[in-house]
N, C-alpha and C. Protein backbone atom coordinates (compact mmCIF):
# COMPACT_ATOMS: atom_id res chain seq x y z
N MET A 1 27.34 8.19 -1.91
CA MET A 1 28.49 8.28 -1.03
C MET A 1 29.59 7.38 -1.59
N THR A 2 30.78 7.88 -1.70
CA THR A 2 31.88 7.11 -2.27
C THR A 2 32.45 6.15 -1.22
N ASP A 3 33.15 5.13 -1.72
CA ASP A 3 33.82 4.20 -0.81
C ASP A 3 34.80 4.95 0.09
N ALA A 4 35.53 5.90 -0.48
CA ALA A 4 36.51 6.65 0.30
C ALA A 4 35.85 7.41 1.45
N LYS A 5 34.68 8.00 1.20
CA LYS A 5 33.98 8.73 2.26
C LYS A 5 33.50 7.79 3.36
N ILE A 6 33.01 6.62 2.94
CA ILE A 6 32.53 5.64 3.92
C ILE A 6 33.69 5.15 4.79
N ILE A 7 34.82 4.84 4.16
CA ILE A 7 35.98 4.37 4.91
C ILE A 7 36.49 5.45 5.85
N GLU A 8 36.52 6.69 5.39
CA GLU A 8 36.95 7.79 6.25
C GLU A 8 36.02 7.94 7.45
N SER A 9 34.73 7.78 7.22
CA SER A 9 33.77 7.84 8.31
C SER A 9 34.03 6.74 9.34
N TRP A 10 34.31 5.52 8.86
CA TRP A 10 34.61 4.42 9.78
C TRP A 10 35.87 4.71 10.59
N LYS A 11 36.87 5.31 9.95
CA LYS A 11 38.09 5.65 10.68
C LYS A 11 37.78 6.63 11.80
N LYS A 12 36.96 7.62 11.53
CA LYS A 12 36.62 8.63 12.53
C LYS A 12 35.76 8.05 13.64
N ASN A 13 34.98 7.03 13.33
CA ASN A 13 34.02 6.50 14.29
C ASN A 13 34.41 5.14 14.87
N ALA A 14 35.66 4.74 14.71
CA ALA A 14 36.09 3.43 15.20
C ALA A 14 35.87 3.28 16.70
N GLU A 15 36.23 4.29 17.47
CA GLU A 15 36.09 4.18 18.93
C GLU A 15 34.63 4.15 19.37
N PRO A 16 33.77 5.07 18.90
CA PRO A 16 32.36 4.99 19.32
C PRO A 16 31.70 3.69 18.86
N TRP A 17 32.07 3.22 17.68
CA TRP A 17 31.51 1.96 17.19
C TRP A 17 31.92 0.81 18.10
N THR A 18 33.19 0.78 18.45
CA THR A 18 33.68 -0.29 19.32
C THR A 18 32.94 -0.27 20.65
N ARG A 19 32.77 0.91 21.22
CA ARG A 19 32.03 1.02 22.49
C ARG A 19 30.59 0.52 22.32
N ALA A 20 29.93 0.91 21.24
CA ALA A 20 28.54 0.51 21.02
C ALA A 20 28.41 -1.00 20.87
N ILE A 21 29.31 -1.61 20.11
CA ILE A 21 29.24 -3.06 19.91
C ILE A 21 29.53 -3.80 21.20
N ARG A 22 30.55 -3.40 21.89
CA ARG A 22 30.93 -4.12 23.11
C ARG A 22 29.93 -3.92 24.24
N ALA A 23 29.21 -2.81 24.23
CA ALA A 23 28.16 -2.56 25.23
C ALA A 23 26.81 -3.13 24.79
N GLN A 24 26.78 -3.74 23.60
CA GLN A 24 25.53 -4.26 23.02
C GLN A 24 24.46 -3.18 23.02
N ALA A 25 24.85 -1.99 22.58
CA ALA A 25 23.97 -0.83 22.62
C ALA A 25 23.02 -0.72 21.42
N ILE A 26 23.21 -1.56 20.41
CA ILE A 26 22.35 -1.52 19.23
C ILE A 26 21.31 -2.63 19.37
N ALA A 27 20.08 -2.23 19.63
CA ALA A 27 19.03 -3.19 19.96
C ALA A 27 18.82 -4.25 18.89
N SER A 28 18.79 -3.86 17.63
CA SER A 28 18.54 -4.83 16.56
C SER A 28 19.62 -5.91 16.53
N ARG A 29 20.84 -5.53 16.81
CA ARG A 29 21.92 -6.51 16.85
C ARG A 29 21.77 -7.42 18.06
N ARG A 30 21.51 -6.82 19.22
CA ARG A 30 21.39 -7.58 20.46
C ARG A 30 20.21 -8.55 20.39
N LEU A 31 19.11 -8.11 19.81
CA LEU A 31 17.88 -8.90 19.81
C LEU A 31 17.80 -9.91 18.66
N VAL A 32 18.43 -9.61 17.52
CA VAL A 32 18.20 -10.46 16.34
C VAL A 32 19.46 -10.75 15.53
N THR A 33 20.10 -9.73 15.00
CA THR A 33 21.05 -9.97 13.92
C THR A 33 22.35 -10.63 14.34
N ASP A 34 22.86 -10.35 15.54
CA ASP A 34 24.09 -11.01 15.96
C ASP A 34 23.90 -12.52 16.02
N ARG A 35 22.84 -12.95 16.67
CA ARG A 35 22.57 -14.39 16.78
C ARG A 35 22.31 -15.01 15.41
N ALA A 36 21.62 -14.26 14.53
CA ALA A 36 21.31 -14.78 13.20
C ALA A 36 22.57 -15.08 12.40
N ILE A 37 23.55 -14.18 12.45
CA ILE A 37 24.77 -14.42 11.67
C ILE A 37 25.59 -15.54 12.28
N VAL A 38 25.66 -15.62 13.59
CA VAL A 38 26.39 -16.72 14.23
C VAL A 38 25.73 -18.05 13.87
N ASP A 39 24.42 -18.12 13.97
CA ASP A 39 23.71 -19.36 13.62
C ASP A 39 23.94 -19.74 12.17
N ALA A 40 23.90 -18.75 11.27
CA ALA A 40 24.10 -19.03 9.85
C ALA A 40 25.50 -19.58 9.58
N VAL A 41 26.50 -18.99 10.21
CA VAL A 41 27.86 -19.48 10.03
C VAL A 41 28.01 -20.88 10.63
N MET A 42 27.50 -21.08 11.84
CA MET A 42 27.63 -22.38 12.49
C MET A 42 26.91 -23.49 11.71
N ALA A 43 25.86 -23.13 11.00
CA ALA A 43 25.14 -24.12 10.19
C ALA A 43 26.00 -24.66 9.05
N THR A 44 27.05 -23.94 8.68
CA THR A 44 27.94 -24.41 7.62
C THR A 44 29.02 -25.35 8.16
N THR A 45 29.06 -25.55 9.46
CA THR A 45 30.02 -26.40 10.17
C THR A 45 31.47 -26.19 9.71
N PRO A 46 31.95 -24.95 9.79
CA PRO A 46 33.30 -24.68 9.31
C PRO A 46 34.38 -25.04 10.33
N GLU A 47 35.54 -25.39 9.81
CA GLU A 47 36.74 -25.47 10.64
C GLU A 47 37.52 -24.17 10.54
N SER A 48 37.31 -23.46 9.42
CA SER A 48 38.00 -22.18 9.22
C SER A 48 37.02 -21.18 8.63
N ALA A 49 37.24 -19.89 8.94
CA ALA A 49 36.36 -18.85 8.43
C ALA A 49 37.14 -17.57 8.18
N LEU A 50 36.68 -16.82 7.19
CA LEU A 50 37.18 -15.48 6.89
C LEU A 50 36.07 -14.51 7.23
N ASP A 51 36.35 -13.60 8.16
CA ASP A 51 35.39 -12.56 8.56
C ASP A 51 35.74 -11.29 7.80
N LEU A 52 35.01 -11.04 6.70
CA LEU A 52 35.25 -9.86 5.87
C LEU A 52 34.65 -8.63 6.52
N GLY A 53 35.41 -7.57 6.62
CA GLY A 53 34.91 -6.37 7.29
C GLY A 53 34.66 -6.65 8.75
N CYS A 54 35.65 -7.23 9.41
CA CYS A 54 35.49 -7.73 10.78
C CYS A 54 35.27 -6.64 11.81
N GLY A 55 35.53 -5.39 11.46
CA GLY A 55 35.34 -4.32 12.43
C GLY A 55 36.18 -4.55 13.68
N GLU A 56 35.58 -4.37 14.84
CA GLU A 56 36.31 -4.52 16.10
C GLU A 56 36.45 -5.98 16.52
N GLY A 57 35.96 -6.90 15.70
CA GLY A 57 36.26 -8.32 15.88
C GLY A 57 35.29 -9.17 16.65
N TRP A 58 34.09 -8.66 16.98
CA TRP A 58 33.17 -9.43 17.84
C TRP A 58 32.81 -10.78 17.22
N LEU A 59 32.54 -10.82 15.90
CA LEU A 59 32.12 -12.07 15.27
C LEU A 59 33.29 -13.05 15.24
N ALA A 60 34.47 -12.58 14.89
CA ALA A 60 35.64 -13.46 14.89
C ALA A 60 35.88 -14.05 16.28
N ARG A 61 35.77 -13.22 17.32
CA ARG A 61 35.95 -13.72 18.69
C ARG A 61 34.90 -14.78 19.03
N THR A 62 33.67 -14.54 18.61
CA THR A 62 32.59 -15.50 18.89
C THR A 62 32.87 -16.83 18.19
N LEU A 63 33.33 -16.78 16.95
CA LEU A 63 33.62 -18.00 16.20
C LEU A 63 34.86 -18.70 16.76
N LEU A 64 35.86 -17.92 17.15
CA LEU A 64 37.04 -18.50 17.79
C LEU A 64 36.66 -19.28 19.05
N ALA A 65 35.73 -18.74 19.82
CA ALA A 65 35.27 -19.40 21.04
C ALA A 65 34.56 -20.72 20.74
N GLN A 66 34.10 -20.88 19.51
CA GLN A 66 33.46 -22.13 19.09
C GLN A 66 34.47 -23.11 18.48
N GLY A 67 35.76 -22.75 18.53
CA GLY A 67 36.80 -23.63 18.03
C GLY A 67 37.10 -23.50 16.54
N ILE A 68 36.62 -22.44 15.93
CA ILE A 68 36.83 -22.22 14.50
C ILE A 68 38.07 -21.35 14.32
N GLN A 69 38.93 -21.73 13.38
CA GLN A 69 40.09 -20.92 13.04
C GLN A 69 39.59 -19.75 12.19
N VAL A 70 39.82 -18.51 12.63
CA VAL A 70 39.25 -17.33 11.97
C VAL A 70 40.33 -16.33 11.60
N LEU A 71 40.20 -15.79 10.40
CA LEU A 71 40.98 -14.63 9.99
C LEU A 71 39.99 -13.49 9.83
N GLY A 72 40.21 -12.40 10.56
CA GLY A 72 39.38 -11.21 10.43
C GLY A 72 40.13 -10.15 9.64
N VAL A 73 39.48 -9.58 8.63
CA VAL A 73 40.09 -8.51 7.83
C VAL A 73 39.17 -7.31 7.78
N ASP A 74 39.79 -6.14 7.80
CA ASP A 74 39.04 -4.90 7.67
C ASP A 74 39.97 -3.87 7.03
N VAL A 75 39.40 -2.94 6.31
CA VAL A 75 40.18 -1.89 5.66
C VAL A 75 40.54 -0.77 6.63
N VAL A 76 39.89 -0.74 7.79
CA VAL A 76 40.09 0.35 8.74
C VAL A 76 41.10 -0.09 9.82
N PRO A 77 42.33 0.45 9.76
CA PRO A 77 43.36 0.03 10.72
C PRO A 77 42.94 0.22 12.17
N GLU A 78 42.22 1.29 12.46
CA GLU A 78 41.79 1.56 13.84
C GLU A 78 40.90 0.43 14.37
N LEU A 79 40.06 -0.14 13.53
CA LEU A 79 39.21 -1.25 13.96
C LEU A 79 40.01 -2.53 14.13
N VAL A 80 40.96 -2.76 13.26
CA VAL A 80 41.81 -3.96 13.38
C VAL A 80 42.62 -3.90 14.68
N VAL A 81 43.11 -2.74 15.03
CA VAL A 81 43.83 -2.58 16.32
C VAL A 81 42.91 -2.98 17.47
N ARG A 82 41.68 -2.53 17.46
CA ARG A 82 40.74 -2.86 18.53
C ARG A 82 40.42 -4.36 18.56
N ALA A 83 40.32 -4.97 17.38
CA ALA A 83 40.09 -6.42 17.32
C ALA A 83 41.27 -7.17 17.93
N ARG A 84 42.47 -6.75 17.60
CA ARG A 84 43.67 -7.42 18.14
C ARG A 84 43.75 -7.25 19.66
N GLU A 85 43.42 -6.07 20.15
CA GLU A 85 43.47 -5.81 21.59
C GLU A 85 42.50 -6.71 22.34
N ALA A 86 41.33 -6.96 21.76
CA ALA A 86 40.32 -7.77 22.44
C ALA A 86 40.55 -9.27 22.27
N SER A 87 41.39 -9.65 21.33
CA SER A 87 41.64 -11.06 21.07
C SER A 87 43.12 -11.25 20.72
N PRO A 88 43.99 -11.20 21.73
CA PRO A 88 45.43 -11.25 21.46
C PRO A 88 45.87 -12.47 20.65
N GLY A 89 45.17 -13.57 20.75
CA GLY A 89 45.53 -14.77 19.98
C GLY A 89 44.89 -14.83 18.61
N GLY A 90 44.05 -13.84 18.30
CA GLY A 90 43.35 -13.85 17.02
C GLY A 90 44.22 -13.37 15.88
N ASP A 91 43.80 -13.69 14.68
CA ASP A 91 44.50 -13.28 13.46
C ASP A 91 43.66 -12.21 12.78
N PHE A 92 44.09 -10.96 12.88
CA PHE A 92 43.37 -9.83 12.29
C PHE A 92 44.34 -9.05 11.42
N ARG A 93 43.88 -8.71 10.21
CA ARG A 93 44.74 -8.00 9.26
C ARG A 93 44.00 -6.85 8.61
N VAL A 94 44.77 -5.85 8.20
CA VAL A 94 44.22 -4.74 7.42
C VAL A 94 44.32 -5.13 5.95
N ALA A 95 43.19 -5.11 5.26
CA ALA A 95 43.15 -5.40 3.83
C ALA A 95 41.87 -4.83 3.24
N SER A 96 41.97 -4.29 2.05
CA SER A 96 40.80 -3.78 1.35
C SER A 96 40.16 -4.92 0.54
N TYR A 97 38.94 -4.70 0.14
CA TYR A 97 38.28 -5.69 -0.73
C TYR A 97 39.03 -5.84 -2.03
N GLU A 98 39.56 -4.73 -2.54
CA GLU A 98 40.32 -4.78 -3.79
C GLU A 98 41.56 -5.65 -3.62
N GLU A 99 42.26 -5.49 -2.49
CA GLU A 99 43.46 -6.30 -2.24
C GLU A 99 43.10 -7.78 -2.11
N ILE A 100 42.01 -8.06 -1.42
CA ILE A 100 41.59 -9.46 -1.26
C ILE A 100 41.22 -10.05 -2.61
N ALA A 101 40.49 -9.29 -3.43
CA ALA A 101 40.09 -9.77 -4.76
C ALA A 101 41.31 -10.03 -5.64
N ARG A 102 42.39 -9.28 -5.42
CA ARG A 102 43.61 -9.46 -6.22
C ARG A 102 44.52 -10.56 -5.65
N GLY A 103 44.09 -11.24 -4.59
CA GLY A 103 44.85 -12.38 -4.09
C GLY A 103 45.72 -12.12 -2.88
N ALA A 104 45.45 -11.07 -2.10
CA ALA A 104 46.27 -10.74 -0.94
C ALA A 104 46.25 -11.83 0.13
N LEU A 105 45.20 -12.61 0.17
CA LEU A 105 45.12 -13.70 1.15
C LEU A 105 45.48 -15.00 0.45
N GLU A 106 46.51 -15.63 0.92
CA GLU A 106 46.98 -16.85 0.24
C GLU A 106 46.54 -18.10 0.98
N THR A 107 45.27 -18.14 1.33
CA THR A 107 44.72 -19.30 2.02
C THR A 107 43.27 -19.46 1.61
N ARG A 108 42.72 -20.61 1.93
CA ARG A 108 41.31 -20.90 1.64
C ARG A 108 40.58 -21.16 2.94
N PHE A 109 39.27 -21.00 2.88
CA PHE A 109 38.44 -21.10 4.08
C PHE A 109 37.23 -21.98 3.80
N ASP A 110 36.70 -22.57 4.87
CA ASP A 110 35.46 -23.33 4.75
C ASP A 110 34.27 -22.39 4.59
N THR A 111 34.33 -21.25 5.28
CA THR A 111 33.24 -20.28 5.24
C THR A 111 33.82 -18.87 5.17
N ILE A 112 33.21 -18.06 4.32
CA ILE A 112 33.50 -16.64 4.27
C ILE A 112 32.23 -15.94 4.71
N VAL A 113 32.37 -14.99 5.64
CA VAL A 113 31.20 -14.29 6.17
C VAL A 113 31.39 -12.79 6.04
N ALA A 114 30.33 -12.12 5.58
CA ALA A 114 30.28 -10.65 5.51
C ALA A 114 29.04 -10.21 6.27
N ASN A 115 29.26 -9.66 7.44
CA ASN A 115 28.17 -9.26 8.32
C ASN A 115 28.01 -7.74 8.29
N PHE A 116 27.01 -7.26 7.55
CA PHE A 116 26.79 -5.82 7.40
C PHE A 116 28.07 -5.12 6.94
N ALA A 117 28.80 -5.74 6.03
CA ALA A 117 30.12 -5.23 5.69
C ALA A 117 30.33 -4.92 4.22
N LEU A 118 29.35 -5.15 3.39
CA LEU A 118 29.56 -4.95 1.96
C LEU A 118 29.17 -3.54 1.55
N ILE A 119 30.18 -2.75 1.18
CA ILE A 119 29.93 -1.38 0.73
C ILE A 119 30.62 -1.19 -0.60
N GLY A 120 30.12 -0.26 -1.39
CA GLY A 120 30.70 0.02 -2.69
C GLY A 120 30.15 -0.92 -3.73
N ALA A 121 30.31 -0.58 -4.97
CA ALA A 121 29.78 -1.40 -6.06
C ALA A 121 30.90 -2.22 -6.69
N GLU A 122 31.84 -1.55 -7.31
CA GLU A 122 32.89 -2.26 -8.03
C GLU A 122 33.73 -3.12 -7.10
N ALA A 123 34.11 -2.60 -5.94
CA ALA A 123 34.93 -3.36 -5.00
C ALA A 123 34.20 -4.62 -4.53
N VAL A 124 32.91 -4.49 -4.26
CA VAL A 124 32.13 -5.64 -3.80
C VAL A 124 31.95 -6.65 -4.94
N ASP A 125 31.66 -6.16 -6.13
CA ASP A 125 31.50 -7.07 -7.28
C ASP A 125 32.76 -7.91 -7.47
N ASP A 126 33.92 -7.26 -7.45
CA ASP A 126 35.18 -7.98 -7.64
C ASP A 126 35.45 -8.94 -6.48
N LEU A 127 35.12 -8.53 -5.27
CA LEU A 127 35.31 -9.39 -4.10
C LEU A 127 34.45 -10.64 -4.21
N ILE A 128 33.18 -10.46 -4.52
CA ILE A 128 32.27 -11.62 -4.64
C ILE A 128 32.75 -12.54 -5.76
N ALA A 129 33.20 -11.97 -6.86
CA ALA A 129 33.71 -12.78 -7.97
C ALA A 129 34.94 -13.59 -7.55
N ALA A 130 35.72 -13.08 -6.61
CA ALA A 130 36.94 -13.75 -6.16
C ALA A 130 36.68 -14.82 -5.10
N THR A 131 35.49 -14.86 -4.50
CA THR A 131 35.26 -15.77 -3.37
C THR A 131 35.44 -17.25 -3.71
N PRO A 132 35.10 -17.72 -4.91
CA PRO A 132 35.35 -19.15 -5.16
C PRO A 132 36.81 -19.55 -4.98
N GLY A 133 37.73 -18.64 -5.29
CA GLY A 133 39.15 -18.91 -5.12
C GLY A 133 39.62 -18.85 -3.68
N LEU A 134 38.75 -18.36 -2.79
CA LEU A 134 39.09 -18.28 -1.37
C LEU A 134 38.42 -19.39 -0.55
N LEU A 135 37.54 -20.14 -1.19
CA LEU A 135 36.78 -21.18 -0.48
C LEU A 135 37.35 -22.57 -0.74
N ASN A 136 37.36 -23.38 0.31
CA ASN A 136 37.66 -24.79 0.15
C ASN A 136 36.51 -25.44 -0.62
N ALA A 137 36.75 -26.62 -1.17
CA ALA A 137 35.69 -27.35 -1.87
C ALA A 137 34.49 -27.51 -0.94
N GLY A 138 33.30 -27.19 -1.45
CA GLY A 138 32.09 -27.29 -0.65
C GLY A 138 31.91 -26.16 0.33
N GLY A 139 32.74 -25.12 0.24
CA GLY A 139 32.68 -24.00 1.17
C GLY A 139 31.45 -23.14 0.96
N SER A 140 31.24 -22.22 1.92
CA SER A 140 30.04 -21.38 1.91
C SER A 140 30.40 -19.90 2.03
N LEU A 141 29.61 -19.07 1.38
CA LEU A 141 29.67 -17.63 1.53
C LEU A 141 28.40 -17.21 2.25
N VAL A 142 28.53 -16.58 3.41
CA VAL A 142 27.39 -16.15 4.22
C VAL A 142 27.39 -14.62 4.27
N ILE A 143 26.32 -14.02 3.80
CA ILE A 143 26.19 -12.57 3.79
C ILE A 143 24.93 -12.20 4.56
N GLN A 144 25.08 -11.31 5.53
CA GLN A 144 23.91 -10.78 6.23
C GLN A 144 23.68 -9.35 5.74
N THR A 145 22.65 -9.17 4.98
CA THR A 145 22.22 -7.91 4.36
C THR A 145 23.34 -7.11 3.75
N LEU A 146 22.96 -6.18 2.96
CA LEU A 146 23.89 -5.22 2.41
C LEU A 146 23.78 -3.96 3.23
N HIS A 147 24.86 -3.28 3.41
CA HIS A 147 24.84 -2.05 4.18
C HIS A 147 23.91 -1.05 3.50
N PRO A 148 23.11 -0.31 4.26
CA PRO A 148 22.17 0.65 3.66
C PRO A 148 22.83 1.65 2.72
N ALA A 149 24.06 2.01 2.96
CA ALA A 149 24.73 2.97 2.08
C ALA A 149 24.87 2.40 0.67
N PHE A 150 24.97 1.06 0.57
CA PHE A 150 25.09 0.42 -0.73
C PHE A 150 23.81 0.58 -1.53
N ASN A 151 22.69 0.49 -0.86
CA ASN A 151 21.39 0.57 -1.53
C ASN A 151 20.89 2.00 -1.72
N ALA A 152 21.29 2.92 -0.88
CA ALA A 152 20.71 4.26 -0.90
C ALA A 152 21.57 5.29 -1.61
N GLY A 153 22.82 4.96 -1.90
CA GLY A 153 23.70 5.93 -2.55
C GLY A 153 23.85 7.19 -1.73
N ASP A 154 23.74 8.35 -2.37
CA ASP A 154 23.89 9.63 -1.67
C ASP A 154 22.69 9.96 -0.79
N ARG A 155 21.62 9.18 -0.87
CA ARG A 155 20.43 9.43 -0.06
C ARG A 155 20.50 8.73 1.29
N TYR A 156 21.60 8.10 1.63
CA TYR A 156 21.70 7.35 2.88
C TYR A 156 21.43 8.24 4.09
N GLU A 157 20.56 7.76 4.97
CA GLU A 157 20.25 8.45 6.22
C GLU A 157 20.28 7.43 7.34
N THR A 158 20.74 7.86 8.49
CA THR A 158 20.72 7.01 9.65
C THR A 158 19.29 6.90 10.16
N GLY A 159 18.89 5.73 10.64
CA GLY A 159 17.56 5.56 11.24
C GLY A 159 16.61 4.80 10.34
N TRP A 160 15.45 4.52 10.88
CA TRP A 160 14.43 3.77 10.16
C TRP A 160 13.70 4.67 9.19
N ARG A 161 13.30 4.10 8.07
CA ARG A 161 12.53 4.84 7.08
C ARG A 161 11.06 4.83 7.48
N THR A 162 10.39 5.93 7.35
CA THR A 162 8.97 5.98 7.66
C THR A 162 8.17 5.63 6.41
N GLY A 163 6.94 5.19 6.62
CA GLY A 163 6.05 4.92 5.51
C GLY A 163 5.93 3.46 5.13
N SER A 164 6.78 2.60 5.61
CA SER A 164 6.69 1.18 5.28
C SER A 164 5.96 0.46 6.39
N PRO A 165 4.75 -0.02 6.13
CA PRO A 165 4.03 -0.71 7.19
C PRO A 165 4.69 -2.04 7.54
N THR A 166 4.73 -2.32 8.80
CA THR A 166 5.25 -3.59 9.30
C THR A 166 4.32 -4.08 10.39
N ARG A 167 4.59 -5.24 10.90
CA ARG A 167 3.76 -5.81 11.96
C ARG A 167 4.58 -5.94 13.23
N CYS A 168 3.98 -5.59 14.35
CA CYS A 168 4.63 -5.70 15.64
C CYS A 168 4.77 -7.17 16.00
N ARG A 169 5.93 -7.54 16.50
CA ARG A 169 6.19 -8.92 16.89
C ARG A 169 5.32 -9.35 18.06
N ARG A 170 5.02 -8.44 18.96
CA ARG A 170 4.25 -8.80 20.15
C ARG A 170 2.74 -8.77 19.93
N THR A 171 2.24 -7.77 19.22
CA THR A 171 0.79 -7.59 19.13
C THR A 171 0.21 -7.87 17.75
N SER A 172 1.07 -8.04 16.75
CA SER A 172 0.66 -8.20 15.35
C SER A 172 -0.05 -6.97 14.81
N ALA A 173 -0.02 -5.86 15.54
CA ALA A 173 -0.63 -4.62 15.07
C ALA A 173 0.21 -4.05 13.94
N SER A 174 -0.42 -3.37 13.02
CA SER A 174 0.29 -2.72 11.94
C SER A 174 0.97 -1.46 12.49
N CYS A 175 2.23 -1.31 12.20
CA CYS A 175 2.99 -0.15 12.63
C CYS A 175 3.65 0.46 11.40
N THR A 176 3.90 1.73 11.43
CA THR A 176 4.56 2.40 10.33
C THR A 176 5.95 2.83 10.76
N GLY A 177 6.93 2.52 9.91
CA GLY A 177 8.28 3.00 10.15
C GLY A 177 9.04 2.27 11.24
N TRP A 178 8.72 1.05 11.50
CA TRP A 178 9.44 0.26 12.50
C TRP A 178 9.83 -1.06 11.86
N PRO A 179 10.95 -1.66 12.22
CA PRO A 179 11.40 -2.86 11.53
C PRO A 179 10.47 -4.05 11.77
N ALA A 180 10.32 -4.83 10.73
CA ALA A 180 9.48 -6.03 10.83
C ALA A 180 9.99 -6.95 11.93
N ARG A 181 9.09 -7.64 12.57
CA ARG A 181 9.38 -8.64 13.60
C ARG A 181 10.02 -8.05 14.84
N SER A 182 9.98 -6.75 15.01
CA SER A 182 10.44 -6.11 16.24
C SER A 182 9.22 -5.58 16.97
N PRO A 183 9.32 -5.36 18.25
CA PRO A 183 8.20 -4.73 18.94
C PRO A 183 7.96 -3.33 18.38
N CYS A 184 6.71 -2.95 18.28
CA CYS A 184 6.42 -1.61 17.77
C CYS A 184 6.72 -0.58 18.84
N ARG A 185 6.56 0.66 18.51
CA ARG A 185 6.87 1.74 19.46
C ARG A 185 5.99 1.67 20.69
N ARG A 186 4.78 1.20 20.53
CA ARG A 186 3.88 1.09 21.69
C ARG A 186 4.37 -0.01 22.65
N CYS A 187 5.06 -1.02 22.11
CA CYS A 187 5.44 -2.20 22.91
C CYS A 187 6.91 -2.20 23.31
N TRP A 188 7.68 -1.28 22.78
CA TRP A 188 9.12 -1.33 23.03
C TRP A 188 9.41 -1.22 24.52
N PRO A 189 10.25 -2.12 25.04
CA PRO A 189 10.51 -2.10 26.49
C PRO A 189 11.20 -0.83 26.93
C-alpha cells in the first residue's frame, strides 16, 4: 500500500476515527496502549513535546493537561481540524513527514512522540534521520509500534492474525489469534 493510498484512507475516515477515539471504542487502546504511551512520554519529563501524526489530538490534549507545551502535526487536514476543535488553545498544524524532515518546524522539543503513526518507508527513514535536529540536548524520541501497514505492505488486513499462539492475561491458557497479555476470547468481558 502506498503512502498516498494510506493518507487518502485517513482523509476518508477522519470522522469515524475521531468518534472511535473519543468514545474509547478500541479496546486495546482503552486497556493498554493509550496509558503506555502517556507513561512513556511522562517518563522523559518533558517541558515540550512534538506529537507526530497527532490525528484528532487525544495525546496532545492529554500531555497539555499535564502542563507540557505540545505541537501536534498530522498530514491529514481533516484530523488537524478535529484536534483544533477539541483543544482551542492547542497548537496543531498540517505537515507531512517529508516537510518536517526538510525543516518545516523551526523549533526543538524535549520529546518527540510517534504513537501508531509511522507509515511509509522513505518518508519515515528521512523523518527519523531528522529527529536529532528537532530535539533539545538530552531529548527523547518515543515510538509506540509501527503501523501494521508498514510491516505488511500490500498484505495489510484489519484485525488480528490467526495462528500465533499467545497467553491469556487472566487464565494463562494458550490462545490462538488473540493479542498477548489480553484476555482470551473465553475471558473477554
